[in-house]
Amino acid sequence: MMDGELGAFLRSRREALRPADVGLPSGPRRRTPGLRRAELATLAQVSVEYLTRLEQGRDTRPSPEILAALADALLLDDADRDHLHQLATVGHSRHLCPHERTSVARAVRPTVRAVLDGLRDTPAYVVNQLSDVLAWNDAFERLGRPLGLLDGSPPNLLWFTFADERARDHFPQWAELADQQVAELHRLRRGDPVADAFAQRLARTVGAPFTDRWRRRPVAAPRTGVRGLRHPQAGPLRLAYETLELADAAHQRIVVHLPADAASASALDGLLGRRPGQLRAVAG
């Protein structure tokens, strides 16, 4: 549940901020991580009592001015600032409409499926905010099935990354991938109890690798980049990925994979049964 999440998020960022980052001495007797509550209150020009109420979830409706002051004092980046304001908005909306909840959509529009099919030579799939893989094209079937990515019902990329031992073998930068997926789940929670229940099940299943990341409350995840992959049939691959948000589809995204170098393009051609030169590298 999102109850108390605003305070927990503020506390996580306070504890992650080093005193030296804001010009304060660390001191030999500092027993808590990050800034002390009184130090943050001074920097943000709010009372310690009010900051305590915020962090303990007894006040969930700070003014925009106070949010801005706290964000400045905590040196929040753009993603954290946006998330902080979203949490405050959710808290205010819940006060007005306490029964309102978001939902997890698993139906994919026919037009979106047609787009996937139109990307004939390009592995692509549709994923929701829980990382359920809802639809995919034949190219992704050939890429992902040998990895085990499509074994679940429905397949779930986050569950595979943390709970399937094959994930660490297939993804050389596994830790980075895990960080990104947790951040995306956290960013898209939006007060949905289904998302929290999913996170709790995953935490019970895999423990610290997930819970340590979840407690940090990350929210910044890149929507594009290059990812390494050890494929059991195609060998080592470097794949560029693009994440495309779908309009009016409850946080569904299309993720498209393209070869990032000539060797990966050639290997994908072979894996997908295409003639050589069908795919071209798009990134260095």
Protein backbone atom coordinates (compact mmCIF):
# COMPACT_ATOMS: atom_id res chain seq x y z
CA MET A 1 0.00 0.00 0.00
CA MET A 2 1.08 3.60 -0.54
CA ASP A 3 0.07 4.63 2.99
CA GLY A 4 3.14 6.13 4.63
CA GLU A 5 5.09 5.98 1.38
CA LEU A 6 5.69 9.74 1.24
CA GLY A 7 7.39 9.67 4.64
CA ALA A 8 9.30 6.51 3.84
CA PHE A 9 10.56 8.03 0.60
CA LEU A 10 11.74 11.19 2.36
CA ARG A 11 13.47 9.13 5.01
CA SER A 12 15.20 6.93 2.41
CA ARG A 13 16.61 9.99 0.66
CA ARG A 14 17.67 11.61 3.94
CA GLU A 15 19.54 8.47 4.97
CA ALA A 16 21.20 8.20 1.54
CA LEU A 17 22.57 11.77 1.64
CA ARG A 18 26.05 12.17 3.10
CA PRO A 19 26.64 15.15 5.39
CA ALA A 20 29.61 16.19 3.24
CA ASP A 21 27.26 16.49 0.24
CA VAL A 22 25.57 19.48 1.92
CA GLY A 23 28.67 20.93 3.56
CA LEU A 24 28.23 19.38 7.00
CA PRO A 25 30.94 17.55 8.98
CA SER A 26 30.47 13.81 9.37
CA GLY A 27 31.59 13.74 12.97
CA PRO A 28 32.98 10.71 14.83
CA ARG A 29 29.80 9.95 16.80
CA ARG A 30 27.28 9.84 13.98
CA ARG A 31 25.23 6.69 14.62
CA THR A 32 22.61 7.01 11.89
CA PRO A 33 23.17 6.85 8.14
CA GLY A 34 22.95 10.04 6.14
CA LEU A 35 21.63 13.27 7.58
CA ARG A 36 20.08 13.63 10.98
CA ARG A 37 16.45 14.71 10.97
CA ALA A 38 17.35 17.99 12.65
CA GLU A 39 19.95 18.71 9.97
CA LEU A 40 17.46 18.23 7.15
CA ALA A 41 14.90 20.36 8.97
CA THR A 42 17.42 23.18 9.24
CA LEU A 43 18.39 22.94 5.57
CA ALA A 44 14.74 22.92 4.43
CA GLN A 45 13.71 25.57 6.97
CA VAL A 46 10.95 23.47 8.50
CA SER A 47 10.53 22.41 12.11
CA VAL A 48 11.87 19.07 13.32
CA GLU A 49 8.39 18.29 14.64
CA TYR A 50 6.81 18.81 11.23
CA LEU A 51 9.47 16.75 9.44
CA THR A 52 8.89 13.99 12.01
CA ARG A 53 5.17 14.00 11.24
CA LEU A 54 5.91 13.74 7.52
CA GLU A 55 8.37 10.86 7.90
CA GLN A 56 6.06 8.98 10.25
CA GLY A 57 3.12 9.34 7.88
CA ARG A 58 1.06 11.50 10.25
CA ASP A 59 1.01 14.33 7.71
CA THR A 60 0.65 13.45 4.02
CA ARG A 61 -0.36 16.82 2.57
CA PRO A 62 2.68 19.13 2.57
CA SER A 63 2.40 22.33 0.56
CA PRO A 64 4.20 22.66 -2.80
CA GLU A 65 6.57 25.13 -1.14
CA ILE A 66 7.57 22.64 1.53
CA LEU A 67 7.99 19.88 -1.04
CA ALA A 68 10.27 22.12 -3.08
CA ALA A 69 12.29 23.07 0.01
CA LEU A 70 12.74 19.41 0.99
CA ALA A 71 13.66 18.43 -2.58
CA ASP A 72 16.28 21.18 -2.70
CA ALA A 73 17.70 20.27 0.70
CA LEU A 74 17.90 16.59 -0.27
CA LEU A 75 19.52 17.39 -3.63
CA LEU A 76 16.90 15.31 -5.44
CA ASP A 77 17.28 14.69 -9.15
CA ASP A 78 14.42 15.20 -11.59
CA ALA A 79 13.12 11.63 -11.29
CA ASP A 80 13.05 11.78 -7.48
CA ARG A 81 11.37 15.21 -7.54
CA ASP A 82 8.65 13.94 -9.86
CA HIS A 83 8.09 10.91 -7.66
CA LEU A 84 7.94 13.02 -4.51
CA HIS A 85 5.24 15.20 -6.03
CA GLN A 86 3.34 12.12 -7.25
CA LEU A 87 3.36 10.68 -3.73
CA ALA A 88 2.03 13.93 -2.32
CA THR A 89 -0.66 14.02 -5.02
CA VAL A 90 -1.66 10.42 -4.30
CA GLY A 91 -1.92 11.22 -0.61
CA HIS A 92 -4.12 14.23 -1.28
CA SER A 93 -6.30 12.35 -3.78
CA ARG A 94 -6.76 9.47 -1.36
CA HIS A 95 -7.90 11.93 1.28
CA LEU A 96 -10.56 13.15 -1.14
CA CYS A 97 -11.35 9.77 -2.79
CA PRO A 98 -10.13 7.06 -0.40
CA HIS A 99 -11.59 4.19 -2.45
CA GLU A 100 -9.92 5.09 -5.72
CA ARG A 101 -7.34 2.56 -6.93
CA THR A 102 -5.46 1.93 -10.11
CA SER A 103 -5.50 -1.50 -11.74
CA VAL A 104 -3.17 -3.81 -13.61
CA ALA A 105 -4.22 -4.14 -17.25
CA ARG A 106 -3.40 -7.41 -19.00
CA ALA A 107 -5.42 -7.03 -22.21
CA VAL A 108 -3.52 -5.78 -25.26
CA ARG A 109 -5.31 -3.82 -27.95
CA PRO A 110 -5.52 -5.49 -31.39
CA THR A 111 -3.80 -2.49 -32.97
CA VAL A 112 -0.85 -2.92 -30.59
CA ARG A 113 -0.61 -6.59 -31.51
CA ALA A 114 -0.60 -5.56 -35.16
CA VAL A 115 2.29 -3.19 -34.47
CA LEU A 116 4.25 -6.07 -32.91
CA ASP A 117 3.59 -8.25 -35.92
CA GLY A 118 4.65 -5.41 -38.20
CA LEU A 119 8.07 -5.38 -36.53
CA ARG A 120 8.88 -8.64 -38.30
CA ASP A 121 12.67 -8.56 -38.05
CA THR A 122 12.82 -6.84 -34.68
CA PRO A 123 12.28 -8.61 -31.33
CA ALA A 124 9.56 -6.69 -29.48
CA TYR A 125 7.09 -7.29 -26.67
CA VAL A 126 4.46 -5.53 -24.55
CA VAL A 127 4.91 -5.33 -20.78
CA ASN A 128 2.78 -3.84 -17.98
CA GLN A 129 3.79 -2.19 -14.71
CA LEU A 130 4.33 -5.56 -13.00
CA SER A 131 6.71 -6.61 -15.81
CA ASP A 132 4.20 -9.20 -17.08
CA VAL A 133 4.96 -9.91 -20.74
CA LEU A 134 1.51 -9.61 -22.30
CA ALA A 135 2.27 -10.04 -26.02
CA TRP A 136 5.27 -10.53 -28.26
CA ASN A 137 6.17 -11.11 -31.86
CA ASP A 138 7.84 -14.10 -33.50
CA ALA A 139 11.25 -12.45 -33.43
CA PHE A 140 11.09 -12.10 -29.64
CA GLU A 141 9.79 -15.68 -29.37
CA ARG A 142 12.99 -16.87 -31.05
CA LEU A 143 15.16 -14.58 -28.94
CA GLY A 144 13.49 -15.00 -25.55
CA ARG A 145 12.19 -18.57 -25.50
CA PRO A 146 15.63 -20.25 -25.33
CA LEU A 147 16.54 -17.97 -22.41
CA GLY A 148 13.51 -19.02 -20.39
CA LEU A 149 12.02 -15.51 -20.49
CA LEU A 150 8.66 -16.83 -21.73
CA ASP A 151 8.28 -19.81 -19.41
CA GLY A 152 5.78 -18.26 -16.98
CA SER A 153 2.03 -17.88 -17.28
CA PRO A 154 2.08 -15.01 -17.83
CA PRO A 155 5.82 -14.59 -18.30
CA ASN A 156 7.24 -11.99 -15.93
CA LEU A 157 10.61 -10.35 -16.53
CA LEU A 158 11.11 -9.14 -12.97
CA TRP A 159 10.35 -12.57 -11.51
CA PHE A 160 12.68 -14.21 -14.03
CA THR A 161 15.50 -11.75 -13.24
CA PHE A 162 15.42 -12.40 -9.50
CA ALA A 163 13.99 -15.90 -9.08
CA ASP A 164 15.41 -17.83 -12.04
CA GLU A 165 19.07 -18.84 -11.70
CA ARG A 166 19.49 -18.67 -15.49
CA ALA A 167 19.13 -14.88 -15.44
CA ARG A 168 22.58 -14.30 -13.96
CA ASP A 169 24.11 -16.53 -16.63
CA HIS A 170 22.30 -14.84 -19.51
CA PHE A 171 22.82 -11.19 -18.46
CA PRO A 172 26.46 -10.19 -17.78
CA GLN A 173 25.32 -6.90 -16.21
CA TRP A 174 22.71 -8.63 -14.05
CA ALA A 175 22.96 -6.18 -11.13
CA GLU A 176 22.32 -3.20 -13.40
CA LEU A 177 19.33 -4.95 -14.97
CA ALA A 178 17.95 -5.80 -11.51
CA ASP A 179 18.32 -2.17 -10.38
CA GLN A 180 16.47 -0.92 -13.45
CA GLN A 181 13.58 -3.33 -13.10
CA VAL A 182 13.04 -2.57 -9.41
CA ALA A 183 13.12 1.16 -10.16
CA GLU A 184 10.51 0.74 -12.88
CA LEU A 185 8.21 -1.27 -10.61
CA HIS A 186 8.57 1.35 -7.89
CA ARG A 187 7.95 4.24 -10.30
CA LEU A 188 4.73 2.72 -11.63
CA ARG A 189 3.16 1.52 -8.36
CA ARG A 190 0.76 4.48 -8.21
CA GLY A 191 -0.99 3.19 -5.08
CA ASP A 192 -2.05 -0.14 -6.59
CA PRO A 193 -2.24 -2.86 -3.90
CA VAL A 194 -1.66 -5.50 -6.59
CA ALA A 195 1.82 -4.07 -7.23
CA ASP A 196 2.67 -4.14 -3.54
CA ALA A 197 1.36 -7.70 -3.19
CA PHE A 198 3.55 -8.73 -6.11
CA ALA A 199 6.59 -7.08 -4.50
CA GLN A 200 5.86 -8.86 -1.21
CA ARG A 201 5.65 -12.25 -2.94
CA LEU A 202 8.93 -11.63 -4.72
CA ALA A 203 10.56 -10.49 -1.47
CA ARG A 204 9.46 -13.68 0.28
CA THR A 205 10.78 -15.78 -2.59
CA VAL A 206 14.23 -14.27 -3.20
CA GLY A 207 14.97 -12.19 -0.10
CA ALA A 208 17.83 -9.71 0.04
CA PRO A 209 18.66 -9.34 -3.69
CA PHE A 210 15.20 -7.83 -4.14
CA THR A 211 14.42 -6.37 -0.70
CA ASP A 212 17.70 -4.44 -0.45
CA ARG A 213 16.90 -2.70 -3.74
CA TRP A 214 13.24 -2.19 -2.86
CA ARG A 215 14.04 -0.46 0.44
CA ARG A 216 16.16 2.12 -1.40
CA ARG A 217 13.00 3.18 -3.27
CA PRO A 218 14.64 3.81 -6.65
CA VAL A 219 12.53 5.50 -9.30
CA ALA A 220 14.92 6.40 -12.12
CA ALA A 221 15.22 3.74 -14.82
CA PRO A 222 16.57 4.38 -18.34
CA ARG A 223 14.07 3.86 -21.17
CA THR A 224 16.79 3.28 -23.72
CA GLY A 225 20.30 1.85 -23.72
CA VAL A 226 22.44 -1.15 -24.68
CA ARG A 227 22.35 -4.46 -22.83
CA GLY A 228 24.67 -7.44 -23.08
CA LEU A 229 23.24 -10.92 -23.43
CA ARG A 230 24.71 -14.44 -23.49
CA HIS A 231 22.35 -16.36 -25.75
CA PRO A 232 22.52 -20.19 -25.72
CA GLN A 233 22.03 -20.35 -29.49
CA ALA A 234 23.25 -17.02 -30.90
CA GLY A 235 26.18 -16.51 -28.53
CA PRO A 236 27.12 -13.12 -27.06
CA LEU A 237 24.88 -10.26 -28.16
CA ARG A 238 24.77 -6.53 -27.57
CA LEU A 239 21.21 -5.28 -27.97
CA ALA A 240 20.01 -1.69 -28.03
CA TYR A 241 16.56 -1.29 -26.50
CA GLU A 242 13.88 1.39 -26.77
CA THR A 243 10.86 1.63 -24.46
CA LEU A 244 7.73 3.15 -25.99
CA GLU A 245 4.87 4.18 -23.70
CA LEU A 246 1.42 3.26 -25.02
CA ALA A 247 -1.34 5.86 -24.82
CA ASP A 248 -4.46 4.97 -22.82
CA ALA A 249 -3.15 1.52 -21.93
CA ALA A 250 -2.61 1.63 -18.13
CA HIS A 251 1.19 1.79 -18.06
CA GLN A 252 1.76 -0.70 -20.87
CA ARG A 253 4.97 -0.29 -22.87
CA ILE A 254 6.40 -1.76 -26.04
CA VAL A 255 10.06 -2.71 -25.70
CA VAL A 256 12.00 -3.10 -28.94
CA HIS A 257 15.44 -4.71 -29.29
CA LEU A 258 17.91 -3.95 -32.08
CA PRO A 259 21.49 -5.15 -32.66
CA ALA A 260 24.05 -2.71 -31.26
CA ASP A 261 26.98 -3.88 -33.39
CA ALA A 262 27.70 -5.77 -36.59
CA ALA A 263 28.47 -9.06 -34.84
CA SER A 264 25.14 -8.95 -32.98
CA ALA A 265 23.32 -8.11 -36.21
CA SER A 266 24.81 -11.14 -37.92
CA ALA A 267 24.05 -13.42 -34.96
CA LEU A 268 20.44 -12.21 -34.79
CA ASP A 269 20.02 -12.80 -38.52
CA GLY A 270 21.02 -16.40 -37.97
CA LEU A 271 18.82 -16.82 -34.89
CA LEU A 272 15.77 -15.36 -36.63
CA GLY A 273 16.31 -17.33 -39.83
CA ARG A 274 16.90 -14.21 -41.90
CA ARG A 275 19.28 -13.77 -44.78
CA PRO A 276 22.60 -12.13 -43.82
CA GLY A 277 22.43 -8.36 -43.76
CA GLN A 278 18.71 -8.21 -42.96
CA LEU A 279 19.42 -6.46 -39.65
CA ARG A 280 21.80 -3.55 -39.28
CA ALA A 281 23.52 -2.32 -36.15
CA VAL A 282 22.03 0.87 -34.76
CA ALA A 283 24.47 1.80 -31.98
CA GLY A 284 28.16 1.58 -31.20
